[in-house]
Amino acid sequence: MSATLRPARADDRAAMTALWVEAWTPVFPQIDFSARAAWFGEHMSALEAKGARLTVAEDARGLAGFSIFDPATCDMDQLCVALRAQGSPVARDLLAALKRESARVALTVNRDNPRARRFYE
């Protein structure tokens, strides 16, 4: 599965939020991520207003993933991949793009998310 990376546009926000809900729901099914969708939209906007870069990965089927990275602090707030694209190079490509942009990428991984922990290790 080949994906193209590009800066996020305003019209990507709804799809990014839907992908965020989709990606996080199976990781923590006890949390209602749909109920938090509005918060996430505001969170993305606030981070972008402070200088964070939002990057999307698109493939033939549409949005396959995205990242949110603050170059001032080197913090990666999000790296989300659509369920259909998990196991593909999308996450690796998004992370590689951040590493090309910054000598340092900092992140926090929830200890209860073993798939993410394996990926980042």
PDB file of N, CA and C in Angstrom:
ATOM      1  N   MET A   1       0.850  -1.173   0.000  1.00  0.00           N
ATOM      2  CA  MET A   1       0.000   0.000   0.000  1.00  0.00           C
ATOM      3  C   MET A   1       0.891   1.230   0.000  1.00  0.00           C
ATOM      4  N   SER A   2       0.821   1.987  -1.046  1.00  0.00           N
ATOM      5  CA  SER A   2       1.629   3.185  -1.184  1.00  0.00           C
ATOM      6  C   SER A   2       0.796   4.400  -0.782  1.00  0.00           C
ATOM      7  N   ALA A   3       1.388   5.275   0.002  1.00  0.00           N
ATOM      8  CA  ALA A   3       0.698   6.485   0.447  1.00  0.00           C
ATOM      9  C   ALA A   3       1.559   7.696   0.132  1.00  0.00           C
ATOM     10  N   THR A   4       0.911   8.804  -0.116  1.00  0.00           N
ATOM     11  CA  THR A   4       1.563  10.076  -0.372  1.00  0.00           C
ATOM     12  C   THR A   4       1.368  10.968   0.843  1.00  0.00           C
ATOM     13  N   LEU A   5       2.436  11.598   1.286  1.00  0.00           N
ATOM     14  CA  LEU A   5       2.359  12.516   2.417  1.00  0.00           C
ATOM     15  C   LEU A   5       2.229  13.934   1.910  1.00  0.00           C
ATOM     16  N   ARG A   6       1.428  14.712   2.630  1.00  0.00           N
ATOM     17  CA  ARG A   6       1.275  16.134   2.298  1.00  0.00           C
ATOM     18  C   ARG A   6       0.798  16.878   3.540  1.00  0.00           C
ATOM     19  N   PRO A   7       0.977  18.210   3.565  1.00  0.00           N
ATOM     20  CA  PRO A   7       0.436  18.991   4.684  1.00  0.00           C
ATOM     21  C   PRO A   7      -1.090  18.872   4.706  1.00  0.00           C
ATOM     22  N   ALA A   8      -1.638  18.810   5.900  1.00  0.00           N
ATOM     23  CA  ALA A   8      -3.097  18.750   6.044  1.00  0.00           C
ATOM     24  C   ALA A   8      -3.714  20.078   5.617  1.00  0.00           C
ATOM     25  N   ARG A   9      -4.914  19.986   5.088  1.00  0.00           N
ATOM     26  CA  ARG A   9      -5.698  21.166   4.710  1.00  0.00           C
ATOM     27  C   ARG A   9      -6.908  21.254   5.643  1.00  0.00           C
ATOM     28  N   ALA A  10      -7.545  22.396   5.645  1.00  0.00           N
ATOM     29  CA  ALA A  10      -8.730  22.582   6.494  1.00  0.00           C
ATOM     30  C   ALA A  10      -9.806  21.551   6.176  1.00  0.00           C
ATOM     31  N   ASP A  11      -9.934  21.189   4.905  1.00  0.00           N
ATOM     32  CA  ASP A  11     -10.984  20.224   4.550  1.00  0.00           C
ATOM     33  C   ASP A  11     -10.629  18.783   4.911  1.00  0.00           C
ATOM     34  N   ASP A  12      -9.452  18.556   5.493  1.00  0.00           N
ATOM     35  CA  ASP A  12      -9.064  17.227   5.984  1.00  0.00           C
ATOM     36  C   ASP A  12      -9.516  16.995   7.423  1.00  0.00           C
ATOM     37  N   ARG A  13      -9.891  18.049   8.127  1.00  0.00           N
ATOM     38  CA  ARG A  13     -10.127  17.959   9.568  1.00  0.00           C
ATOM     39  C   ARG A  13     -11.187  16.920   9.947  1.00  0.00           C
ATOM     40  N   ALA A  14     -12.288  16.884   9.252  1.00  0.00           N
ATOM     41  CA  ALA A  14     -13.350  15.921   9.598  1.00  0.00           C
ATOM     42  C   ALA A  14     -12.847  14.489   9.426  1.00  0.00           C
ATOM     43  N   ALA A  15     -12.140  14.228   8.339  1.00  0.00           N
ATOM     44  CA  ALA A  15     -11.618  12.883   8.097  1.00  0.00           C
ATOM     45  C   ALA A  15     -10.528  12.534   9.113  1.00  0.00           C
ATOM     46  N   MET A  16      -9.723  13.505   9.505  1.00  0.00           N
ATOM     47  CA  MET A  16      -8.688  13.258  10.507  1.00  0.00           C
ATOM     48  C   MET A  16      -9.321  12.915  11.855  1.00  0.00           C
ATOM     49  N   THR A  17     -10.361  13.637  12.206  1.00  0.00           N
ATOM     50  CA  THR A  17     -11.049  13.364  13.465  1.00  0.00           C
ATOM     51  C   THR A  17     -11.697  11.985  13.433  1.00  0.00           C
ATOM     52  N   ALA A  18     -12.337  11.643  12.321  1.00  0.00           N
ATOM     53  CA  ALA A  18     -12.956  10.316  12.193  1.00  0.00           C
ATOM     54  C   ALA A  18     -11.900   9.219  12.277  1.00  0.00           C
ATOM     55  N   LEU A  19     -10.747   9.442  11.661  1.00  0.00           N
ATOM     56  CA  LEU A  19      -9.672   8.459  11.720  1.00  0.00           C
ATOM     57  C   LEU A  19      -9.139   8.334  13.149  1.00  0.00           C
ATOM     58  N   TRP A  20      -9.031   9.437  13.863  1.00  0.00           N
ATOM     59  CA  TRP A  20      -8.588   9.425  15.257  1.00  0.00           C
ATOM     60  C   TRP A  20      -9.523   8.561  16.103  1.00  0.00           C
ATOM     61  N   VAL A  21     -10.815   8.756  15.923  1.00  0.00           N
ATOM     62  CA  VAL A  21     -11.806   7.943  16.653  1.00  0.00           C
ATOM     63  C   VAL A  21     -11.646   6.477  16.273  1.00  0.00           C
ATOM     64  N   GLU A  22     -11.539   6.193  14.983  1.00  0.00           N
ATOM     65  CA  GLU A  22     -11.399   4.820  14.493  1.00  0.00           C
ATOM     66  C   GLU A  22     -10.151   4.138  15.046  1.00  0.00           C
ATOM     67  N   ALA A  23      -9.036   4.860  15.053  1.00  0.00           N
ATOM     68  CA  ALA A  23      -7.767   4.266  15.467  1.00  0.00           C
ATOM     69  C   ALA A  23      -7.704   4.025  16.975  1.00  0.00           C
ATOM     70  N   TRP A  24      -8.273   4.925  17.769  1.00  0.00           N
ATOM     71  CA  TRP A  24      -8.170   4.799  19.213  1.00  0.00           C
ATOM     72  C   TRP A  24      -9.226   3.883  19.830  1.00  0.00           C
ATOM     73  N   THR A  25     -10.378   3.754  19.202  1.00  0.00           N
ATOM     74  CA  THR A  25     -11.461   2.969  19.791  1.00  0.00           C
ATOM     75  C   THR A  25     -11.073   1.524  20.100  1.00  0.00           C
ATOM     76  N   PRO A  26     -10.425   0.787  19.188  1.00  0.00           N
ATOM     77  CA  PRO A  26     -10.063  -0.590  19.545  1.00  0.00           C
ATOM     78  C   PRO A  26      -8.947  -0.687  20.586  1.00  0.00           C
ATOM     79  N   VAL A  27      -8.155   0.367  20.722  1.00  0.00           N
ATOM     80  CA  VAL A  27      -7.063   0.352  21.698  1.00  0.00           C
ATOM     81  C   VAL A  27      -7.630   0.487  23.111  1.00  0.00           C
ATOM     82  N   PHE A  28      -8.609   1.353  23.271  1.00  0.00           N
ATOM     83  CA  PHE A  28      -9.251   1.594  24.567  1.00  0.00           C
ATOM     84  C   PHE A  28     -10.769   1.574  24.386  1.00  0.00           C
ATOM     85  N   PRO A  29     -11.351   0.397  24.199  1.00  0.00           N
ATOM     86  CA  PRO A  29     -12.793   0.312  23.915  1.00  0.00           C
ATOM     87  C   PRO A  29     -13.672   0.839  25.050  1.00  0.00           C
ATOM     88  N   GLN A  30     -13.133   0.956  26.253  1.00  0.00           N
ATOM     89  CA  GLN A  30     -13.910   1.465  27.368  1.00  0.00           C
ATOM     90  C   GLN A  30     -14.096   2.985  27.307  1.00  0.00           C
ATOM     91  N   ILE A  31     -13.379   3.652  26.415  1.00  0.00           N
ATOM     92  CA  ILE A  31     -13.483   5.109  26.267  1.00  0.00           C
ATOM     93  C   ILE A  31     -14.324   5.418  25.041  1.00  0.00           C
ATOM     94  N   ASP A  32     -15.239   6.358  25.182  1.00  0.00           N
ATOM     95  CA  ASP A  32     -16.089   6.771  24.068  1.00  0.00           C
ATOM     96  C   ASP A  32     -15.371   7.882  23.288  1.00  0.00           C
ATOM     97  N   PHE A  33     -14.562   7.478  22.332  1.00  0.00           N
ATOM     98  CA  PHE A  33     -13.804   8.462  21.555  1.00  0.00           C
ATOM     99  C   PHE A  33     -14.713   9.296  20.656  1.00  0.00           C
ATOM    100  N   SER A  34     -15.831   8.746  20.235  1.00  0.00           N
ATOM    101  CA  SER A  34     -16.789   9.536  19.445  1.00  0.00           C
ATOM    102  C   SER A  34     -17.261  10.746  20.238  1.00  0.00           C
ATOM    103  N   ALA A  35     -17.470  10.556  21.525  1.00  0.00           N
ATOM    104  CA  ALA A  35     -17.900  11.662  22.380  1.00  0.00           C
ATOM    105  C   ALA A  35     -16.797  12.707  22.550  1.00  0.00           C
ATOM    106  N   ARG A  36     -15.557  12.319  22.275  1.00  0.00           N
ATOM    107  CA  ARG A  36     -14.416  13.231  22.422  1.00  0.00           C
ATOM    108  C   ARG A  36     -13.991  13.858  21.091  1.00  0.00           C
ATOM    109  N   ALA A  37     -14.725  13.581  20.040  1.00  0.00           N
ATOM    110  CA  ALA A  37     -14.349  14.069  18.710  1.00  0.00           C
ATOM    111  C   ALA A  37     -14.278  15.593  18.657  1.00  0.00           C
ATOM    112  N   ALA A  38     -15.235  16.275  19.250  1.00  0.00           N
ATOM    113  CA  ALA A  38     -15.203  17.748  19.232  1.00  0.00           C
ATOM    114  C   ALA A  38     -13.960  18.266  19.944  1.00  0.00           C
ATOM    115  N   TRP A  39     -13.636  17.644  21.087  1.00  0.00           N
ATOM    116  CA  TRP A  39     -12.422  18.038  21.793  1.00  0.00           C
ATOM    117  C   TRP A  39     -11.202  17.862  20.891  1.00  0.00           C
ATOM    118  N   PHE A  40     -11.130  16.725  20.181  1.00  0.00           N
ATOM    119  CA  PHE A  40      -9.962  16.480  19.345  1.00  0.00           C
ATOM    120  C   PHE A  40      -9.849  17.525  18.237  1.00  0.00           C
ATOM    121  N   GLY A  41     -10.968  17.895  17.629  1.00  0.00           N
ATOM    122  CA  GLY A  41     -10.936  18.947  16.604  1.00  0.00           C
ATOM    123  C   GLY A  41     -10.384  20.248  17.157  1.00  0.00           C
ATOM    124  N   GLU A  42     -10.817  20.614  18.360  1.00  0.00           N
ATOM    125  CA  GLU A  42     -10.310  21.827  19.003  1.00  0.00           C
ATOM    126  C   GLU A  42      -8.828  21.676  19.352  1.00  0.00           C
ATOM    127  N   HIS A  43      -8.450  20.492  19.783  1.00  0.00           N
ATOM    128  CA  HIS A  43      -7.054  20.205  20.130  1.00  0.00           C
ATOM    129  C   HIS A  43      -6.148  20.380  18.904  1.00  0.00           C
ATOM    130  N   MET A  44      -6.574  19.825  17.764  1.00  0.00           N
ATOM    131  CA  MET A  44      -5.788  19.982  16.529  1.00  0.00           C
ATOM    132  C   MET A  44      -5.628  21.454  16.183  1.00  0.00           C
ATOM    133  N   SER A  45      -6.731  22.189  16.237  1.00  0.00           N
ATOM    134  CA  SER A  45      -6.691  23.617  15.887  1.00  0.00           C
ATOM    135  C   SER A  45      -5.773  24.392  16.827  1.00  0.00           C
ATOM    136  N   ALA A  46      -5.844  24.090  18.118  1.00  0.00           N
ATOM    137  CA  ALA A  46      -4.998  24.792  19.088  1.00  0.00           C
ATOM    138  C   ALA A  46      -3.524  24.488  18.844  1.00  0.00           C
ATOM    139  N   LEU A  47      -3.212  23.235  18.575  1.00  0.00           N
ATOM    140  CA  LEU A  47      -1.822  22.876  18.301  1.00  0.00           C
ATOM    141  C   LEU A  47      -1.321  23.558  17.031  1.00  0.00           C
ATOM    142  N   GLU A  48      -2.140  23.558  16.005  1.00  0.00           N
ATOM    143  CA  GLU A  48      -1.734  24.203  14.753  1.00  0.00           C
ATOM    144  C   GLU A  48      -1.546  25.702  14.947  1.00  0.00           C
ATOM    145  N   ALA A  49      -2.410  26.335  15.739  1.00  0.00           N
ATOM    146  CA  ALA A  49      -2.281  27.776  16.005  1.00  0.00           C
ATOM    147  C   ALA A  49      -0.965  28.095  16.706  1.00  0.00           C
ATOM    148  N   LYS A  50      -0.445  27.122  17.458  1.00  0.00           N
ATOM    149  CA  LYS A  50       0.830  27.306  18.156  1.00  0.00           C
ATOM    150  C   LYS A  50       2.022  26.908  17.295  1.00  0.00           C
ATOM    151  N   GLY A  51       1.778  26.478  16.052  1.00  0.00           N
ATOM    152  CA  GLY A  51       2.879  26.165  15.146  1.00  0.00           C
ATOM    153  C   GLY A  51       3.058  24.706  14.804  1.00  0.00           C
ATOM    154  N   ALA A  52       2.204  23.832  15.337  1.00  0.00           N
ATOM    155  CA  ALA A  52       2.334  22.407  15.017  1.00  0.00           C
ATOM    156  C   ALA A  52       2.039  22.173  13.547  1.00  0.00           C
ATOM    157  N   ARG A  53       2.694  21.154  13.011  1.00  0.00           N
ATOM    158  CA  ARG A  53       2.483  20.775  11.611  1.00  0.00           C
ATOM    159  C   ARG A  53       1.640  19.522  11.563  1.00  0.00           C
ATOM    160  N   LEU A  54       0.593  19.578  10.763  1.00  0.00           N
ATOM    161  CA  LEU A  54      -0.299  18.445  10.563  1.00  0.00           C
ATOM    162  C   LEU A  54      -0.010  17.871   9.188  1.00  0.00           C
ATOM    163  N   THR A  55       0.322  16.603   9.143  1.00  0.00           N
ATOM    164  CA  THR A  55       0.661  15.920   7.901  1.00  0.00           C
ATOM    165  C   THR A  55      -0.278  14.744   7.718  1.00  0.00           C
ATOM    166  N   VAL A  56      -0.792  14.581   6.495  1.00  0.00           N
ATOM    167  CA  VAL A  56      -1.661  13.445   6.208  1.00  0.00           C
ATOM    168  C   VAL A  56      -0.976  12.505   5.222  1.00  0.00           C
ATOM    169  N   ALA A  57      -1.361  11.249   5.331  1.00  0.00           N
ATOM    170  CA  ALA A  57      -0.929  10.221   4.380  1.00  0.00           C
ATOM    171  C   ALA A  57      -2.178   9.787   3.627  1.00  0.00           C
ATOM    172  N   GLU A  58      -2.122   9.868   2.315  1.00  0.00           N
ATOM    173  CA  GLU A  58      -3.251   9.480   1.469  1.00  0.00           C
ATOM    174  C   GLU A  58      -2.846   8.317   0.584  1.00  0.00           C
ATOM    175  N   ASP A  59      -3.778   7.395   0.389  1.00  0.00           N
ATOM    176  CA  ASP A  59      -3.574   6.324  -0.569  1.00  0.00           C
ATOM    177  C   ASP A  59      -4.767   6.317  -1.520  1.00  0.00           C
ATOM    178  N   ALA A  60      -4.888   5.289  -2.320  1.00  0.00           N
ATOM    179  CA  ALA A  60      -5.955   5.232  -3.320  1.00  0.00           C
ATOM    180  C   ALA A  60      -7.349   5.272  -2.691  1.00  0.00           C
ATOM    181  N   ARG A  61      -7.462   4.891  -1.418  1.00  0.00           N
ATOM    182  CA  ARG A  61      -8.757   4.862  -0.748  1.00  0.00           C
ATOM    183  C   ARG A  61      -9.027   6.096   0.097  1.00  0.00           C
ATOM    184  N   GLY A  62      -8.095   7.033   0.131  1.00  0.00           N
ATOM    185  CA  GLY A  62      -8.291   8.258   0.908  1.00  0.00           C
ATOM    186  C   GLY A  62      -7.302   8.382   2.041  1.00  0.00           C
ATOM    187  N   LEU A  63      -7.743   8.989   3.126  1.00  0.00           N
ATOM    188  CA  LEU A  63      -6.875   9.235   4.268  1.00  0.00           C
ATOM    189  C   LEU A  63      -6.460   7.911   4.908  1.00  0.00           C
ATOM    190  N   ALA A  64      -5.167   7.680   4.969  1.00  0.00           N
ATOM    191  CA  ALA A  64      -4.633   6.445   5.547  1.00  0.00           C
ATOM    192  C   ALA A  64      -3.982   6.687   6.901  1.00  0.00           C
ATOM    193  N   GLY A  65      -3.651   7.942   7.206  1.00  0.00           N
ATOM    194  CA  GLY A  65      -3.031   8.260   8.480  1.00  0.00           C
ATOM    195  C   GLY A  65      -2.685   9.728   8.560  1.00  0.00           C
ATOM    196  N   PHE A  66      -2.225  10.133   9.736  1.00  0.00           N
ATOM    197  CA  PHE A  66      -1.780  11.521   9.905  1.00  0.00           C
ATOM    198  C   PHE A  66      -0.873  11.616  11.116  1.00  0.00           C
ATOM    199  N   SER A  67      -0.121  12.708  11.147  1.00  0.00           N
ATOM    200  CA  SER A  67       0.704  13.021  12.314  1.00  0.00           C
ATOM    201  C   SER A  67       0.515  14.490  12.661  1.00  0.00           C
ATOM    202  N   ILE A  68       0.751  14.779  13.942  1.00  0.00           N
ATOM    203  CA  ILE A  68       0.745  16.155  14.437  1.00  0.00           C
ATOM    204  C   ILE A  68       2.055  16.335  15.185  1.00  0.00           C
ATOM    205  N   PHE A  69       2.846  17.299  14.741  1.00  0.00           N
ATOM    206  CA  PHE A  69       4.192  17.499  15.271  1.00  0.00           C
ATOM    207  C   PHE A  69       4.444  18.975  15.520  1.00  0.00           C
ATOM    208  N   ASP A  70       4.974  19.290  16.696  1.00  0.00           N
ATOM    209  CA  ASP A  70       5.325  20.660  17.046  1.00  0.00           C
ATOM    210  C   ASP A  70       6.841  20.820  16.902  1.00  0.00           C
ATOM    211  N   PRO A  71       7.291  21.499  15.846  1.00  0.00           N
ATOM    212  CA  PRO A  71       8.744  21.623  15.647  1.00  0.00           C
ATOM    213  C   PRO A  71       9.437  22.458  16.726  1.00  0.00           C
ATOM    214  N   ALA A  72       8.715  23.328  17.414  1.00  0.00           N
ATOM    215  CA  ALA A  72       9.337  24.146  18.455  1.00  0.00           C
ATOM    216  C   ALA A  72       9.713  23.303  19.671  1.00  0.00           C
ATOM    217  N   THR A  73       8.894  22.330  20.004  1.00  0.00           N
ATOM    218  CA  THR A  73       9.152  21.489  21.174  1.00  0.00           C
ATOM    219  C   THR A  73       9.626  20.087  20.795  1.00  0.00           C
ATOM    220  N   CYS A  74       9.559  19.765  19.508  1.00  0.00           N
ATOM    221  CA  CYS A  74       9.894  18.437  18.975  1.00  0.00           C
ATOM    222  C   CYS A  74       8.926  17.355  19.457  1.00  0.00           C
ATOM    223  N   ASP A  75       7.753  17.754  19.909  1.00  0.00           N
ATOM    224  CA  ASP A  75       6.760  16.798  20.398  1.00  0.00           C
ATOM    225  C   ASP A  75       5.846  16.327  19.277  1.00  0.00           C
ATOM    226  N   MET A  76       5.728  15.013  19.168  1.00  0.00           N
ATOM    227  CA  MET A  76       4.753  14.424  18.260  1.00  0.00           C
ATOM    228  C   MET A  76       3.517  14.140  19.109  1.00  0.00           C
ATOM    229  N   ASP A  77       2.465  14.865  18.861  1.00  0.00           N
ATOM    230  CA  ASP A  77       1.244  14.710  19.639  1.00  0.00           C
ATOM    231  C   ASP A  77       0.446  13.498  19.187  1.00  0.00           C
ATOM    232  N   GLN A  78       0.421  13.256  17.896  1.00  0.00           N
ATOM    233  CA  GLN A  78      -0.370  12.152  17.351  1.00  0.00           C
ATOM    234  C   GLN A  78       0.342  11.529  16.163  1.00  0.00           C
ATOM    235  N   LEU A  79       0.180  10.236  16.043  1.00  0.00           N
ATOM    236  CA  LEU A  79       0.491   9.508  14.824  1.00  0.00           C
ATOM    237  C   LEU A  79      -0.609   8.446  14.743  1.00  0.00           C
ATOM    238  N   CYS A  80      -1.581   8.687  13.888  1.00  0.00           N
ATOM    239  CA  CYS A  80      -2.741   7.798  13.773  1.00  0.00           C
ATOM    240  C   CYS A  80      -2.766   7.179  12.385  1.00  0.00           C
ATOM    241  N   VAL A  81      -3.118   5.908  12.348  1.00  0.00           N
ATOM    242  CA  VAL A  81      -3.206   5.175  11.086  1.00  0.00           C
ATOM    243  C   VAL A  81      -4.562   4.494  11.015  1.00  0.00           C
ATOM    244  N   ALA A  82      -5.202   4.594   9.879  1.00  0.00           N
ATOM    245  CA  ALA A  82      -6.491   3.936   9.673  1.00  0.00           C
ATOM    246  C   ALA A  82      -6.344   2.439   9.907  1.00  0.00           C
ATOM    247  N   LEU A  83      -7.377   1.817  10.425  1.00  0.00           N
ATOM    248  CA  LEU A  83      -7.318   0.375  10.690  1.00  0.00           C
ATOM    249  C   LEU A  83      -6.921  -0.397   9.443  1.00  0.00           C
ATOM    250  N   ARG A  84      -7.453  -0.001   8.292  1.00  0.00           N
ATOM    251  CA  ARG A  84      -7.164  -0.714   7.047  1.00  0.00           C
ATOM    252  C   ARG A  84      -5.705  -0.588   6.622  1.00  0.00           C
ATOM    253  N   ALA A  85      -5.007   0.420   7.153  1.00  0.00           N
ATOM    254  CA  ALA A  85      -3.616   0.656   6.757  1.00  0.00           C
ATOM    255  C   ALA A  85      -2.620   0.237   7.843  1.00  0.00           C
ATOM    256  N   GLN A  86      -3.102  -0.242   8.977  1.00  0.00           N
ATOM    257  CA  GLN A  86      -2.176  -0.685  10.013  1.00  0.00           C
ATOM    258  C   GLN A  86      -1.423  -1.909   9.518  1.00  0.00           C
ATOM    259  N   GLY A  87      -0.134  -1.925   9.793  1.00  0.00           N
ATOM    260  CA  GLY A  87       0.732  -2.982   9.276  1.00  0.00           C
ATOM    261  C   GLY A  87       1.358  -2.621   7.938  1.00  0.00           C
ATOM    262  N   SER A  88       0.892  -1.548   7.327  1.00  0.00           N
ATOM    263  CA  SER A  88       1.477  -1.056   6.078  1.00  0.00           C
ATOM    264  C   SER A  88       2.596  -0.074   6.438  1.00  0.00           C
ATOM    265  N   PRO A  89       3.288   0.482   5.458  1.00  0.00           N
ATOM    266  CA  PRO A  89       4.366   1.440   5.759  1.00  0.00           C
ATOM    267  C   PRO A  89       3.899   2.837   6.181  1.00  0.00           C
ATOM    268  N   VAL A  90       2.601   3.078   6.296  1.00  0.00           N
ATOM    269  CA  VAL A  90       2.106   4.433   6.559  1.00  0.00           C
ATOM    270  C   VAL A  90       2.703   5.021   7.837  1.00  0.00           C
ATOM    271  N   ALA A  91       2.636   4.309   8.956  1.00  0.00           N
ATOM    272  CA  ALA A  91       3.175   4.842  10.218  1.00  0.00           C
ATOM    273  C   ALA A  91       4.675   5.091  10.098  1.00  0.00           C
ATOM    274  N   ARG A  92       5.375   4.134   9.523  1.00  0.00           N
ATOM    275  CA  ARG A  92       6.826   4.281   9.346  1.00  0.00           C
ATOM    276  C   ARG A  92       7.140   5.500   8.479  1.00  0.00           C
ATOM    277  N   ASP A  93       6.377   5.700   7.402  1.00  0.00           N
ATOM    278  CA  ASP A  93       6.618   6.827   6.504  1.00  0.00           C
ATOM    279  C   ASP A  93       6.343   8.163   7.191  1.00  0.00           C
ATOM    280  N   LEU A  94       5.259   8.229   7.973  1.00  0.00           N
ATOM    281  CA  LEU A  94       4.961   9.466   8.700  1.00  0.00           C
ATOM    282  C   LEU A  94       6.070   9.777   9.707  1.00  0.00           C
ATOM    283  N   LEU A  95       6.521   8.771  10.437  1.00  0.00           N
ATOM    284  CA  LEU A  95       7.589   8.985  11.410  1.00  0.00           C
ATOM    285  C   LEU A  95       8.898   9.352  10.719  1.00  0.00           C
ATOM    286  N   ALA A  96       9.211   8.711   9.617  1.00  0.00           N
ATOM    287  CA  ALA A  96      10.436   9.028   8.874  1.00  0.00           C
ATOM    288  C   ALA A  96      10.414  10.478   8.385  1.00  0.00           C
ATOM    289  N   ALA A  97       9.254  10.943   7.962  1.00  0.00           N
ATOM    290  CA  ALA A  97       9.140  12.337   7.511  1.00  0.00           C
ATOM    291  C   ALA A  97       9.420  13.295   8.664  1.00  0.00           C
ATOM    292  N   LEU A  98       8.936  12.971   9.855  1.00  0.00           N
ATOM    293  CA  LEU A  98       9.219  13.816  11.016  1.00  0.00           C
ATOM    294  C   LEU A  98      10.705  13.815  11.347  1.00  0.00           C
ATOM    295  N   LYS A  99      11.320  12.652  11.260  1.00  0.00           N
ATOM    296  CA  LYS A  99      12.751  12.551  11.558  1.00  0.00           C
ATOM    297  C   LYS A  99      13.592  13.321  10.544  1.00  0.00           C
ATOM    298  N   ARG A 100      13.125  13.416   9.310  1.00  0.00           N
ATOM    299  CA  ARG A 100      13.844  14.226   8.312  1.00  0.00           C
ATOM    300  C   ARG A 100      13.695  15.706   8.623  1.00  0.00           C
ATOM    301  N   GLU A 101      12.595  16.064   9.233  1.00  0.00           N
ATOM    302  CA  GLU A 101      12.292  17.460   9.541  1.00  0.00           C
ATOM    303  C   GLU A 101      12.998  17.929  10.819  1.00  0.00           C
ATOM    304  N   SER A 102      13.211  17.014  11.742  1.00  0.00           N
ATOM    305  CA  SER A 102      13.735  17.390  13.047  1.00  0.00           C
ATOM    306  C   SER A 102      14.763  16.362  13.518  1.00  0.00           C
ATOM    307  N   ALA A 103      15.830  16.850  14.134  1.00  0.00           N
ATOM    308  CA  ALA A 103      16.845  15.941  14.659  1.00  0.00           C
ATOM    309  C   ALA A 103      16.335  15.185  15.880  1.00  0.00           C
ATOM    310  N   ARG A 104      15.254  15.683  16.464  1.00  0.00           N
ATOM    311  CA  ARG A 104      14.685  15.059  17.664  1.00  0.00           C
ATOM    312  C   ARG A 104      13.176  14.975  17.515  1.00  0.00           C
ATOM    313  N   VAL A 105      12.623  13.837  17.872  1.00  0.00           N
ATOM    314  CA  VAL A 105      11.173  13.652  17.921  1.00  0.00           C
ATOM    315  C   VAL A 105      10.852  13.046  19.275  1.00  0.00           C
ATOM    316  N   ALA A 106      10.114  13.789  20.086  1.00  0.00           N
ATOM    317  CA  ALA A 106       9.720  13.315  21.415  1.00  0.00           C
ATOM    318  C   ALA A 106       8.262  12.889  21.372  1.00  0.00           C
ATOM    319  N   LEU A 107       7.952  11.850  22.149  1.00  0.00           N
ATOM    320  CA  LEU A 107       6.570  11.390  22.199  1.00  0.00           C
ATOM    321  C   LEU A 107       6.320  10.662  23.489  1.00  0.00           C
ATOM    322  N   THR A 108       5.062  10.540  23.808  1.00  0.00           N
ATOM    323  CA  THR A 108       4.630   9.765  24.961  1.00  0.00           C
ATOM    324  C   THR A 108       3.747   8.657  24.443  1.00  0.00           C
ATOM    325  N   VAL A 109       4.021   7.441  24.875  1.00  0.00           N
ATOM    326  CA  VAL A 109       3.231   6.288  24.449  1.00  0.00           C
ATOM    327  C   VAL A 109       2.558   5.697  25.682  1.00  0.00           C
ATOM    328  N   ASN A 110       1.273   5.479  25.590  1.00  0.00           N
ATOM    329  CA  ASN A 110       0.530   4.889  26.689  1.00  0.00           C
ATOM    330  C   ASN A 110       1.018   3.462  26.931  1.00  0.00           C
ATOM    331  N   ARG A 111       1.330   3.136  28.152  1.00  0.00           N
ATOM    332  CA  ARG A 111       1.843   1.798  28.447  1.00  0.00           C
ATOM    333  C   ARG A 111       0.822   0.708  28.146  1.00  0.00           C
ATOM    334  N   ASP A 112      -0.454   1.068  28.065  1.00  0.00           N
ATOM    335  CA  ASP A 112      -1.509   0.107  27.758  1.00  0.00           C
ATOM    336  C   ASP A 112      -1.778  -0.017  26.257  1.00  0.00           C
ATOM    337  N   ASN A 113      -0.846   0.458  25.446  1.00  0.00           N
ATOM    338  CA  ASN A 113      -0.974   0.387  23.995  1.00  0.00           C
ATOM    339  C   ASN A 113       0.223  -0.413  23.452  1.00  0.00           C
ATOM    340  N   PRO A 114       0.180  -1.756  23.587  1.00  0.00           N
ATOM    341  CA  PRO A 114       1.361  -2.564  23.221  1.00  0.00           C
ATOM    342  C   PRO A 114       1.737  -2.470  21.753  1.00  0.00           C
ATOM    343  N   ARG A 115       0.779  -2.319  20.863  1.00  0.00           N
ATOM    344  CA  ARG A 115       1.114  -2.207  19.434  1.00  0.00           C
ATOM    345  C   ARG A 115       1.975  -0.971  19.192  1.00  0.00           C
ATOM    346  N   ALA A 116       1.584   0.160  19.763  1.00  0.00           N
ATOM    347  CA  ALA A 116       2.363   1.390  19.595  1.00  0.00           C
ATOM    348  C   ALA A 116       3.731   1.263  20.260  1.00  0.00           C
ATOM    349  N   ARG A 117       3.760   0.676  21.430  1.00  0.00           N
ATOM    350  CA  ARG A 117       5.051   0.511  22.115  1.00  0.00           C
ATOM    351  C   ARG A 117       6.008  -0.315  21.265  1.00  0.00           C
ATOM    352  N   ARG A 118       5.530  -1.403  20.670  1.00  0.00           N
ATOM    353  CA  ARG A 118       6.389  -2.212  19.801  1.00  0.00           C
ATOM    354  C   ARG A 118       6.874  -1.408  18.604  1.00  0.00           C
ATOM    355  N   PHE A 119       5.984  -0.628  18.016  1.00  0.00           N
ATOM    356  CA  PHE A 119       6.347   0.166  16.842  1.00  0.00           C
ATOM    357  C   PHE A 119       7.469   1.160  17.178  1.00  0.00           C
ATOM    358  N   TYR A 120       7.331   1.893  18.272  1.00  0.00           N
ATOM    359  CA  TYR A 120       8.315   2.915  18.605  1.00  0.00           C
ATOM    360  C   TYR A 120       9.609   2.333  19.154  1.00  0.00           C
ATOM    361  N   GLU A 121       9.545   1.165  19.756  1.00  0.00           N
ATOM    362  CA  GLU A 121      10.782   0.550  20.251  1.00  0.00           C
ATOM    363  C   GLU A 121      11.648   0.129  19.091  1.00  0.00           C
TER     364      GLU A 121
END
